[in-house]
Amino acid sequence: MSYYGLEGVLRVTVNSRGAKLRAGEAVFNPRGAVHHHEKPHAGTAKILAVITPGTIGRNYFDAVSVPCKPDPARLSEIMERHGLIPA
C-alpha cells in the first residue's frame, strides 16, 4: 500500500517508524506491516491510498467511514470481518 499526500499533514506510522506526510510526499506500507494514521493538526488532511492487490473491498471503507462516536470494539469487528488484524 502506498500513501500520497494531497493536502494538509497526516502522521503515518509504519512498523513503529513515524513520518509526517505532506502534500506531494509519499510513504510506502509493505504488506503485513503494522500501520497507523493520525491527524495531529486542525484542518483538513487528504491522502491518496493505493492498495494493491485490492484485497480490501469498498465495503470496508464504507463501514469504517460512517460518522460516529469512536468505538474501538466496532472498528475491531469491522477490521476482522475484512481479514485485518487490529494491533
N, C-alpha and C. Protein backbone atom coordinates (compact mmCIF):
# COMPACT_ATOMS: atom_id res chain seq x y z
N MET A 1 0.86 -1.15 0.00
CA MET A 1 0.00 0.00 0.00
C MET A 1 0.91 1.23 0.00
N SER A 2 0.52 2.22 -0.74
CA SER A 2 1.26 3.48 -0.78
C SER A 2 0.31 4.62 -0.46
N TYR A 3 0.85 5.63 0.22
CA TYR A 3 0.09 6.83 0.55
C TYR A 3 0.76 8.01 -0.11
N TYR A 4 -0.04 8.86 -0.72
CA TYR A 4 0.46 10.08 -1.34
C TYR A 4 -0.30 11.26 -0.75
N GLY A 5 0.42 12.22 -0.17
CA GLY A 5 -0.21 13.37 0.45
C GLY A 5 -0.80 14.32 -0.57
N LEU A 6 -2.07 14.70 -0.36
CA LEU A 6 -2.75 15.64 -1.25
C LEU A 6 -2.94 17.01 -0.61
N GLU A 7 -3.20 17.02 0.71
CA GLU A 7 -3.49 18.29 1.40
C GLU A 7 -3.24 18.11 2.89
N GLY A 8 -2.76 19.15 3.54
CA GLY A 8 -2.55 19.13 4.98
C GLY A 8 -1.41 18.21 5.38
N VAL A 9 -1.44 17.78 6.65
CA VAL A 9 -0.39 16.92 7.21
C VAL A 9 -1.06 15.74 7.91
N LEU A 10 -0.57 14.55 7.62
CA LEU A 10 -1.07 13.34 8.26
C LEU A 10 0.14 12.61 8.82
N ARG A 11 0.06 12.21 10.07
CA ARG A 11 1.15 11.42 10.66
C ARG A 11 0.88 9.96 10.34
N VAL A 12 1.84 9.32 9.70
CA VAL A 12 1.73 7.92 9.30
C VAL A 12 2.84 7.14 10.01
N THR A 13 2.45 6.08 10.72
CA THR A 13 3.42 5.22 11.38
C THR A 13 3.34 3.84 10.75
N VAL A 14 4.49 3.34 10.29
CA VAL A 14 4.58 2.01 9.68
C VAL A 14 5.67 1.25 10.42
N ASN A 15 5.29 0.12 11.05
CA ASN A 15 6.23 -0.69 11.83
C ASN A 15 7.03 0.17 12.81
N SER A 16 6.33 0.97 13.59
CA SER A 16 6.90 1.83 14.65
C SER A 16 7.75 2.99 14.13
N ARG A 17 7.80 3.21 12.85
CA ARG A 17 8.56 4.34 12.29
C ARG A 17 7.56 5.39 11.80
N GLY A 18 7.61 6.57 12.42
CA GLY A 18 6.65 7.62 12.10
C GLY A 18 7.20 8.62 11.11
N ALA A 19 6.29 9.20 10.34
CA ALA A 19 6.65 10.25 9.39
C ALA A 19 5.45 11.17 9.21
N LYS A 20 5.73 12.44 8.99
CA LYS A 20 4.67 13.39 8.65
C LYS A 20 4.53 13.39 7.14
N LEU A 21 3.35 13.08 6.67
CA LEU A 21 3.07 13.03 5.25
C LEU A 21 2.41 14.33 4.83
N ARG A 22 3.09 15.09 3.98
CA ARG A 22 2.60 16.38 3.50
C ARG A 22 2.25 16.26 2.01
N ALA A 23 1.57 17.27 1.49
CA ALA A 23 1.22 17.28 0.07
C ALA A 23 2.46 17.08 -0.79
N GLY A 24 2.36 16.16 -1.75
CA GLY A 24 3.47 15.89 -2.67
C GLY A 24 4.44 14.84 -2.17
N GLU A 25 4.26 14.35 -0.96
CA GLU A 25 5.15 13.33 -0.41
C GLU A 25 4.45 11.97 -0.42
N ALA A 26 5.26 10.90 -0.33
CA ALA A 26 4.70 9.54 -0.37
C ALA A 26 5.34 8.69 0.72
N VAL A 27 4.57 7.72 1.20
CA VAL A 27 5.03 6.73 2.18
C VAL A 27 4.59 5.36 1.69
N PHE A 28 5.48 4.38 1.77
CA PHE A 28 5.16 3.00 1.38
C PHE A 28 4.89 2.17 2.63
N ASN A 29 3.85 1.37 2.58
CA ASN A 29 3.47 0.49 3.67
C ASN A 29 3.47 -0.94 3.13
N PRO A 30 4.52 -1.74 3.43
CA PRO A 30 4.57 -3.09 2.89
C PRO A 30 3.46 -3.98 3.44
N ARG A 31 3.09 -4.99 2.68
CA ARG A 31 2.05 -5.93 3.08
C ARG A 31 2.40 -6.53 4.45
N GLY A 32 1.41 -6.54 5.34
CA GLY A 32 1.59 -7.12 6.66
C GLY A 32 2.17 -6.19 7.70
N ALA A 33 2.56 -4.98 7.31
CA ALA A 33 3.15 -4.04 8.26
C ALA A 33 2.07 -3.48 9.19
N VAL A 34 2.44 -3.27 10.43
CA VAL A 34 1.54 -2.62 11.38
C VAL A 34 1.58 -1.13 11.07
N HIS A 35 0.41 -0.53 10.86
CA HIS A 35 0.39 0.89 10.49
C HIS A 35 -0.74 1.62 11.20
N HIS A 36 -0.55 2.94 11.29
CA HIS A 36 -1.49 3.81 12.00
C HIS A 36 -1.45 5.19 11.35
N HIS A 37 -2.60 5.86 11.33
CA HIS A 37 -2.68 7.22 10.78
C HIS A 37 -3.32 8.12 11.82
N GLU A 38 -2.84 9.34 11.91
CA GLU A 38 -3.49 10.33 12.77
C GLU A 38 -3.26 11.71 12.20
N LYS A 39 -4.22 12.60 12.47
CA LYS A 39 -4.13 13.98 12.02
C LYS A 39 -3.77 14.84 13.22
N PRO A 40 -2.50 15.25 13.33
CA PRO A 40 -2.05 15.96 14.52
C PRO A 40 -2.40 17.45 14.57
N HIS A 41 -2.95 17.98 13.51
CA HIS A 41 -3.22 19.42 13.44
C HIS A 41 -4.68 19.66 13.06
N ALA A 42 -5.15 20.85 13.37
CA ALA A 42 -6.50 21.24 12.93
C ALA A 42 -6.50 21.38 11.42
N GLY A 43 -7.65 21.34 10.84
CA GLY A 43 -7.74 21.49 9.39
C GLY A 43 -7.87 20.14 8.71
N THR A 44 -7.90 20.21 7.40
CA THR A 44 -8.12 19.02 6.58
C THR A 44 -6.81 18.36 6.21
N ALA A 45 -6.81 17.04 6.19
CA ALA A 45 -5.69 16.27 5.65
C ALA A 45 -6.29 15.27 4.68
N LYS A 46 -5.74 15.23 3.47
CA LYS A 46 -6.22 14.29 2.45
C LYS A 46 -5.05 13.53 1.87
N ILE A 47 -5.27 12.22 1.66
CA ILE A 47 -4.26 11.40 1.03
C ILE A 47 -4.91 10.56 -0.06
N LEU A 48 -4.08 10.07 -0.95
CA LEU A 48 -4.48 9.07 -1.92
C LEU A 48 -3.82 7.78 -1.46
N ALA A 49 -4.61 6.77 -1.17
CA ALA A 49 -4.07 5.47 -0.75
C ALA A 49 -4.25 4.50 -1.90
N VAL A 50 -3.15 3.87 -2.30
CA VAL A 50 -3.18 2.89 -3.39
C VAL A 50 -2.93 1.52 -2.77
N ILE A 51 -3.94 0.65 -2.86
CA ILE A 51 -3.86 -0.68 -2.27
C ILE A 51 -3.82 -1.70 -3.40
N THR A 52 -2.73 -2.47 -3.45
CA THR A 52 -2.60 -3.47 -4.49
C THR A 52 -1.96 -4.72 -3.93
N PRO A 53 -2.50 -5.91 -4.18
CA PRO A 53 -3.76 -6.11 -4.87
C PRO A 53 -4.92 -5.60 -4.03
N GLY A 54 -6.03 -5.34 -4.65
CA GLY A 54 -7.20 -4.76 -3.98
C GLY A 54 -7.95 -5.79 -3.14
N THR A 55 -7.31 -6.26 -2.07
CA THR A 55 -7.92 -7.30 -1.25
C THR A 55 -8.93 -6.75 -0.26
N ILE A 56 -8.87 -5.47 0.04
CA ILE A 56 -9.85 -4.85 0.94
C ILE A 56 -10.89 -4.18 0.05
N GLY A 57 -12.11 -4.63 0.16
CA GLY A 57 -13.16 -4.11 -0.70
C GLY A 57 -13.69 -2.77 -0.23
N ARG A 58 -14.44 -2.15 -1.10
CA ARG A 58 -15.05 -0.86 -0.80
C ARG A 58 -15.93 -0.94 0.45
N ASN A 59 -16.55 -2.09 0.68
CA ASN A 59 -17.42 -2.24 1.84
C ASN A 59 -16.69 -1.95 3.14
N TYR A 60 -15.40 -2.28 3.23
CA TYR A 60 -14.62 -1.99 4.44
C TYR A 60 -14.58 -0.48 4.68
N PHE A 61 -14.21 0.28 3.67
CA PHE A 61 -14.08 1.72 3.84
C PHE A 61 -15.43 2.39 4.07
N ASP A 62 -16.47 1.88 3.43
CA ASP A 62 -17.82 2.39 3.69
C ASP A 62 -18.19 2.17 5.16
N ALA A 63 -17.87 1.00 5.69
CA ALA A 63 -18.24 0.66 7.07
C ALA A 63 -17.50 1.51 8.09
N VAL A 64 -16.20 1.74 7.89
CA VAL A 64 -15.43 2.49 8.89
C VAL A 64 -15.56 3.99 8.74
N SER A 65 -16.13 4.46 7.64
CA SER A 65 -16.22 5.91 7.44
C SER A 65 -17.54 6.50 7.90
N VAL A 66 -18.44 5.70 8.39
CA VAL A 66 -19.72 6.21 8.88
C VAL A 66 -19.46 7.11 10.07
N PRO A 67 -19.91 8.37 10.01
CA PRO A 67 -19.68 9.27 11.16
C PRO A 67 -20.31 8.69 12.43
N CYS A 68 -19.50 8.58 13.46
CA CYS A 68 -19.99 8.04 14.72
C CYS A 68 -19.01 8.39 15.82
N LYS A 69 -19.43 8.18 17.04
CA LYS A 69 -18.53 8.32 18.17
C LYS A 69 -17.52 7.18 18.06
N PRO A 70 -16.21 7.45 18.25
CA PRO A 70 -15.22 6.38 18.13
C PRO A 70 -15.58 5.18 19.01
N ASP A 71 -15.58 4.01 18.41
CA ASP A 71 -15.93 2.77 19.10
C ASP A 71 -14.91 1.71 18.71
N PRO A 72 -13.83 1.56 19.51
CA PRO A 72 -12.77 0.61 19.17
C PRO A 72 -13.28 -0.82 18.95
N ALA A 73 -14.27 -1.25 19.73
CA ALA A 73 -14.80 -2.61 19.56
C ALA A 73 -15.46 -2.76 18.19
N ARG A 74 -16.23 -1.73 17.77
CA ARG A 74 -16.89 -1.76 16.46
C ARG A 74 -15.86 -1.78 15.34
N LEU A 75 -14.83 -0.94 15.45
CA LEU A 75 -13.79 -0.90 14.42
C LEU A 75 -13.04 -2.22 14.35
N SER A 76 -12.75 -2.83 15.51
CA SER A 76 -12.07 -4.13 15.53
C SER A 76 -12.91 -5.19 14.83
N GLU A 77 -14.21 -5.19 15.09
CA GLU A 77 -15.10 -6.17 14.46
C GLU A 77 -15.12 -5.98 12.95
N ILE A 78 -15.19 -4.74 12.48
CA ILE A 78 -15.19 -4.47 11.04
C ILE A 78 -13.86 -4.92 10.43
N MET A 79 -12.75 -4.59 11.08
CA MET A 79 -11.44 -4.98 10.56
C MET A 79 -11.32 -6.49 10.44
N GLU A 80 -11.72 -7.21 11.49
CA GLU A 80 -11.62 -8.66 11.49
C GLU A 80 -12.50 -9.28 10.40
N ARG A 81 -13.68 -8.69 10.18
CA ARG A 81 -14.58 -9.17 9.14
C ARG A 81 -13.95 -9.08 7.76
N HIS A 82 -13.02 -8.13 7.58
CA HIS A 82 -12.37 -7.92 6.30
C HIS A 82 -10.95 -8.49 6.26
N GLY A 83 -10.64 -9.36 7.21
CA GLY A 83 -9.35 -10.04 7.21
C GLY A 83 -8.19 -9.23 7.73
N LEU A 84 -8.46 -8.13 8.44
CA LEU A 84 -7.41 -7.30 9.02
C LEU A 84 -7.24 -7.63 10.48
N ILE A 85 -6.04 -7.47 11.00
CA ILE A 85 -5.76 -7.78 12.39
C ILE A 85 -5.51 -6.47 13.15
N PRO A 86 -6.42 -6.08 14.04
CA PRO A 86 -6.19 -4.85 14.81
C PRO A 86 -4.96 -5.01 15.72
N ALA A 87 -4.15 -3.97 15.80
CA ALA A 87 -2.95 -4.04 16.65
C ALA A 87 -3.08 -3.08 17.80
